[in-house]
C-alpha atoms as a PDB file:
ATOM      1  CA  MET A   1      -8.110  22.816  15.573  1.00  0.00           C
ATOM      2  CA  ASN A   2      -6.659  19.434  16.528  1.00  0.00           C
ATOM      3  CA  SER A   3      -3.722  17.615  14.927  1.00  0.00           C
ATOM      4  CA  VAL A   4      -6.013  15.522  12.702  1.00  0.00           C
ATOM      5  CA  ASP A   5      -7.302  18.717  11.071  1.00  0.00           C
ATOM      6  CA  TYR A   6      -3.723  19.699  10.188  1.00  0.00           C
ATOM      7  CA  LEU A   7      -3.318  16.467   8.239  1.00  0.00           C
ATOM      8  CA  GLU A   8      -5.730  17.887   5.707  1.00  0.00           C
ATOM      9  CA  ILE A   9      -4.475  21.469   5.625  1.00  0.00           C
ATOM     10  CA  LEU A  10      -1.002  22.368   6.806  1.00  0.00           C
ATOM     11  CA  ALA A  11      -0.349  25.955   5.825  1.00  0.00           C
ATOM     12  CA  LEU A  12       3.092  27.366   5.128  1.00  0.00           C
ATOM     13  CA  ASP A  13       2.591  29.890   7.931  1.00  0.00           C
ATOM     14  CA  ALA A  14       1.730  27.189  10.497  1.00  0.00           C
ATOM     15  CA  VAL A  15       4.226  26.980  13.351  1.00  0.00           C
ATOM     16  CA  VAL A  16       5.553  23.486  14.015  1.00  0.00           C
ATOM     17  CA  ARG A  17       7.770  22.093  16.741  1.00  0.00           C
ATOM     18  CA  ALA A  18       9.057  18.699  17.806  1.00  0.00           C
ATOM     19  CA  SER A  19       6.788  17.264  20.469  1.00  0.00           C
ATOM     20  CA  PRO A  20       8.116  17.113  24.022  1.00  0.00           C
ATOM     21  CA  GLN A  21       6.762  13.535  24.136  1.00  0.00           C
ATOM     22  CA  GLN A  22       9.798  12.108  22.320  1.00  0.00           C
ATOM     23  CA  VAL A  23      13.517  11.566  22.677  1.00  0.00           C
ATOM     24  CA  SER A  24      15.863  11.825  19.719  1.00  0.00           C
ATOM     25  CA  CYS A  25      19.541  11.480  18.904  1.00  0.00           C
ATOM     26  CA  ASP A  26      21.700  12.141  15.864  1.00  0.00           C
ATOM     27  CA  ILE A  27      23.592   9.248  14.310  1.00  0.00           C
ATOM     28  CA  ALA A  28      25.907   9.900  11.336  1.00  0.00           C
ATOM     29  CA  ASN A  29      23.807  12.669   9.686  1.00  0.00           C
ATOM     30  CA  GLU A  30      20.604  10.778  10.438  1.00  0.00           C
ATOM     31  CA  ALA A  31      18.384  10.653  13.512  1.00  0.00           C
ATOM     32  CA  VAL A  32      16.502   8.144  15.625  1.00  0.00           C
ATOM     33  CA  LEU A  33      13.349   9.115  17.511  1.00  0.00           C
ATOM     34  CA  LEU A  34      11.622   7.347  20.371  1.00  0.00           C
ATOM     35  CA  SER A  35       7.990   8.232  20.923  1.00  0.00           C
ATOM     36  CA  MET A  36       7.347   8.343  24.650  1.00  0.00           C
ATOM     37  CA  SER A  37       3.609   7.970  24.052  1.00  0.00           C
ATOM     38  CA  ASP A  38       3.717   4.634  22.208  1.00  0.00           C
ATOM     39  CA  GLY A  39       7.297   3.354  22.671  1.00  0.00           C
ATOM     40  CA  GLN A  40       7.950   3.201  18.919  1.00  0.00           C
ATOM     41  CA  TYR A  41      11.314   4.014  17.330  1.00  0.00           C
ATOM     42  CA  TYR A  42      11.568   5.928  14.053  1.00  0.00           C
ATOM     43  CA  GLY A  43      14.621   6.364  11.845  1.00  0.00           C
ATOM     44  CA  LEU A  44      15.113   9.559   9.846  1.00  0.00           C
ATOM     45  CA  ASN A  45      17.276   9.931   6.765  1.00  0.00           C
ATOM     46  CA  GLU A  46      19.603  12.916   6.324  1.00  0.00           C
ATOM     47  CA  VAL A  47      16.990  15.326   4.965  1.00  0.00           C
ATOM     48  CA  ALA A  48      14.337  14.327   7.501  1.00  0.00           C
ATOM     49  CA  ALA A  49      16.963  14.640  10.246  1.00  0.00           C
ATOM     50  CA  SER A  50      17.690  18.166   8.988  1.00  0.00           C
ATOM     51  CA  ILE A  51      14.001  19.043   9.293  1.00  0.00           C
ATOM     52  CA  TRP A  52      13.912  17.449  12.736  1.00  0.00           C
ATOM     53  CA  GLN A  53      16.862  19.557  13.873  1.00  0.00           C
ATOM     54  CA  LEU A  54      15.188  22.719  12.562  1.00  0.00           C
ATOM     55  CA  ILE A  55      11.965  22.118  14.470  1.00  0.00           C
ATOM     56  CA  GLN A  56      13.535  21.702  17.886  1.00  0.00           C
ATOM     57  CA  GLU A  57      12.395  25.292  18.280  1.00  0.00           C
ATOM     58  CA  PRO A  58       9.068  26.615  16.928  1.00  0.00           C
ATOM     59  CA  ARG A  59       9.318  27.496  13.215  1.00  0.00           C
ATOM     60  CA  THR A  60       6.936  28.111  10.390  1.00  0.00           C
ATOM     61  CA  VAL A  61       6.693  25.490   7.698  1.00  0.00           C
ATOM     62  CA  LEU A  62       7.881  28.169   5.265  1.00  0.00           C
ATOM     63  CA  SER A  63      11.080  28.812   7.242  1.00  0.00           C
ATOM     64  CA  VAL A  64      11.785  25.069   7.352  1.00  0.00           C
ATOM     65  CA  ARG A  65      11.365  24.878   3.585  1.00  0.00           C
ATOM     66  CA  ASP A  66      13.595  27.913   3.042  1.00  0.00           C
ATOM     67  CA  ALA A  67      16.327  26.514   5.301  1.00  0.00           C
ATOM     68  CA  LEU A  68      16.331  23.261   3.334  1.00  0.00           C
ATOM     69  CA  LEU A  69      16.469  25.113   0.017  1.00  0.00           C
ATOM     70  CA  ALA A  70      19.524  26.989   1.301  1.00  0.00           C
ATOM     71  CA  ALA A  71      21.195  23.773   2.482  1.00  0.00           C
ATOM     72  CA  TYR A  72      20.359  21.571  -0.522  1.00  0.00           C
ATOM     73  CA  ASP A  73      20.766  23.473  -3.776  1.00  0.00           C
ATOM     74  CA  ASP A  74      19.857  20.482  -5.952  1.00  0.00           C
ATOM     75  CA  ILE A  75      16.135  20.446  -5.127  1.00  0.00           C
ATOM     76  CA  GLU A  76      13.353  22.421  -6.751  1.00  0.00           C
ATOM     77  CA  PRO A  77      11.315  24.689  -4.434  1.00  0.00           C
ATOM     78  CA  ALA A  78       7.988  22.973  -5.205  1.00  0.00           C
ATOM     79  CA  GLU A  79       9.487  19.516  -4.657  1.00  0.00           C
ATOM     80  CA  CYS A  80      11.069  20.663  -1.393  1.00  0.00           C
ATOM     81  CA  GLU A  81       7.810  22.156  -0.166  1.00  0.00           C
ATOM     82  CA  GLN A  82       5.889  18.955  -0.883  1.00  0.00           C
ATOM     83  CA  ALA A  83       8.536  16.830   0.861  1.00  0.00           C
ATOM     84  CA  VAL A  84       8.492  19.081   3.942  1.00  0.00           C
ATOM     85  CA  LEU A  85       4.689  19.025   4.107  1.00  0.00           C
ATOM     86  CA  ARG A  86       4.571  15.241   3.650  1.00  0.00           C
ATOM     87  CA  PHE A  87       7.164  14.670   6.400  1.00  0.00           C
ATOM     88  CA  LEU A  88       5.511  17.078   8.837  1.00  0.00           C
ATOM     89  CA  LYS A  89       2.053  15.611   8.256  1.00  0.00           C
ATOM     90  CA  GLU A  90       3.425  12.133   8.955  1.00  0.00           C
ATOM     91  CA  MET A  91       5.100  13.343  12.156  1.00  0.00           C
ATOM     92  CA  ILE A  92       1.904  15.133  13.232  1.00  0.00           C
ATOM     93  CA  ALA A  93      -0.092  11.929  12.677  1.00  0.00           C
ATOM     94  CA  LEU A  94       2.415  10.101  14.912  1.00  0.00           C
ATOM     95  CA  SER A  95       2.131  12.858  17.570  1.00  0.00           C
ATOM     96  CA  LEU A  96       5.843  13.602  17.176  1.00  0.00           C
ATOM     97  CA  VAL A  97       5.256  17.176  15.949  1.00  0.00           C
ATOM     98  CA  THR A  98       2.910  19.779  17.351  1.00  0.00           C
ATOM     99  CA  VAL A  99       1.271  22.609  15.414  1.00  0.00           C
ATOM    100  CA  THR A 100       0.373  25.983  16.895  1.00  0.00           C
END
């Protein structure tokens, strides 16, 4: 299954990881990414930067969601899950996240 297929169905048990084809750095609770494949820069807000930090090592989508729920107690589980899936799908589409 290629990355385009995961845009349609990204399961909670899918394992995601930051692509090796990027460089990132943390800046004041946020992050900046540089895609080595297309030379584009991307800025991440605090929550997206938290996800980015979590996926520096392979993790399931479910474990990413659970880590965010533990860190941010003011978000509903369903809302958190949708935000994580939306972010990961966007990063997959940009080839910044790989799925195994």
